[in-house]
Amino acid sequence: MDELIAQITEKTGVTAEKAKEMVGVTTEWMADKLPESLAEQVAAALAGAGGIASSAADKATGVAGSAAEVATGAATTASEKAGDLWGKTKDTVTGFTSSDDK
């Protein structure tokens, strides 16, 4: 795997750390897409990439979790605002009908 990291670094100009991350993401993607037996062979050829892939997957999961928290918070706020608006509208309409009845 060191040879692959060196080639990526040389050809792209990225740091070795970034190259390892790229290999990890690629390995994770292949593990999801390839038949299990072939994915195992690729993982064996890239010994050590599994830990890198797991780290990349953990980072992606963390970002997705944060995005979900933000979306949930926004949805809750929108729902609360809609409920407040409904309450105000209901009170206003009730006030009109009540004052017309008098």
Protein backbone atom coordinates (compact mmCIF):
# COMPACT_ATOMS: atom_id res chain seq x y z
CA MET A 1 0.00 0.00 0.00
CA ASP A 2 2.91 2.36 0.62
CA GLU A 3 3.75 2.15 -3.08
CA LEU A 4 0.20 3.19 -4.01
CA ILE A 5 0.31 6.10 -1.54
CA ALA A 6 3.64 7.21 -3.01
CA GLN A 7 2.26 7.09 -6.57
CA ILE A 8 -0.85 9.08 -5.62
CA THR A 9 1.28 11.66 -3.82
CA GLU A 10 3.68 11.95 -6.74
CA LYS A 11 1.02 12.16 -9.46
CA THR A 12 -1.46 14.43 -7.69
CA GLY A 13 0.72 16.51 -5.40
CA VAL A 14 -1.47 15.80 -2.37
CA THR A 15 0.00 14.99 1.02
CA ALA A 16 0.56 11.38 2.06
CA GLU A 17 -2.21 11.76 4.65
CA LYS A 18 -4.67 12.93 1.97
CA ALA A 19 -3.56 10.10 -0.33
CA LYS A 20 -4.24 7.56 2.46
CA GLU A 21 -7.68 9.08 2.92
CA MET A 22 -8.33 8.78 -0.83
CA VAL A 23 -7.31 5.13 -0.79
CA GLY A 24 -9.53 4.51 2.22
CA VAL A 25 -12.58 6.09 0.58
CA THR A 26 -11.94 4.14 -2.61
CA THR A 27 -11.50 0.89 -0.68
CA GLU A 28 -14.74 1.46 1.22
CA TRP A 29 -16.57 2.19 -2.03
CA MET A 30 -15.19 -0.99 -3.65
CA ALA A 31 -16.16 -3.07 -0.60
CA ASP A 32 -19.76 -1.91 -1.05
CA LYS A 33 -19.84 -2.43 -4.83
CA LEU A 34 -17.78 -5.54 -5.52
CA PRO A 35 -18.76 -9.15 -4.82
CA GLU A 36 -17.54 -10.15 -1.36
CA SER A 37 -14.79 -12.51 -2.56
CA LEU A 38 -13.34 -9.89 -4.89
CA ALA A 39 -13.63 -7.16 -2.24
CA GLU A 40 -11.66 -9.37 0.16
CA GLN A 41 -8.90 -9.80 -2.44
CA VAL A 42 -8.72 -6.04 -2.99
CA ALA A 43 -8.60 -5.45 0.77
CA ALA A 44 -5.79 -7.98 1.09
CA ALA A 45 -3.85 -6.26 -1.70
CA LEU A 46 -4.29 -2.94 0.08
CA ALA A 47 -3.28 -4.23 3.50
CA GLY A 48 -3.86 -1.50 6.04
CA ALA A 49 -6.44 0.32 3.96
CA GLY A 50 -9.30 -1.15 5.97
CA GLY A 51 -8.50 1.03 8.97
CA ILE A 52 -8.22 4.02 6.68
CA ALA A 53 -11.54 3.16 5.06
CA SER A 54 -13.20 2.82 8.44
CA SER A 55 -11.84 6.19 9.48
CA ALA A 56 -13.19 7.78 6.31
CA ALA A 57 -16.55 6.11 6.82
CA ASP A 58 -16.66 7.33 10.43
CA LYS A 59 -15.99 10.88 9.27
CA ALA A 60 -18.75 10.65 6.66
CA THR A 61 -21.17 9.24 9.25
CA GLY A 62 -20.34 12.08 11.62
CA VAL A 63 -21.03 14.68 8.93
CA ALA A 64 -24.30 12.98 8.00
CA GLY A 65 -25.33 12.84 11.65
CA SER A 66 -24.62 16.55 12.10
CA ALA A 67 -26.62 17.38 8.99
CA ALA A 68 -29.53 15.30 10.26
CA GLU A 69 -29.43 17.12 13.61
CA VAL A 70 -29.53 20.49 11.85
CA ALA A 71 -32.40 19.38 9.60
CA THR A 72 -34.36 18.02 12.56
CA GLY A 73 -33.86 21.25 14.47
CA ALA A 74 -34.99 23.30 11.47
CA ALA A 75 -38.06 21.10 11.00
CA THR A 76 -38.95 21.40 14.69
CA THR A 77 -38.58 25.19 14.55
CA ALA A 78 -40.71 25.39 11.39
CA SER A 79 -43.35 23.19 12.99
CA GLU A 80 -43.40 25.35 16.12
CA LYS A 81 -43.73 28.51 14.02
CA ALA A 82 -46.55 26.96 12.01
CA GLY A 83 -48.30 26.01 15.26
CA ASP A 84 -47.86 29.56 16.60
CA LEU A 85 -49.21 31.00 13.36
CA TRP A 86 -52.20 28.67 13.48
CA GLY A 87 -52.90 29.65 17.08
CA LYS A 88 -52.76 33.37 16.27
CA THR A 89 -54.94 32.93 13.19
CA LYS A 90 -57.45 30.89 15.15
CA ASP A 91 -57.57 33.53 17.91
CA THR A 92 -58.04 36.31 15.35
CA VAL A 93 -60.81 34.47 13.50
CA THR A 94 -62.48 33.58 16.79
CA GLY A 95 -62.25 37.23 17.83
CA PHE A 96 -63.97 38.36 14.61
CA THR A 97 -66.79 35.87 14.91
CA SER A 98 -67.23 36.58 18.62
CA SER A 99 -67.41 40.35 18.12
CA ASP A 100 -69.94 39.93 15.26
CA ASP A 101 -72.18 37.83 17.50
CA LYS A 102 -72.49 40.61 20.12
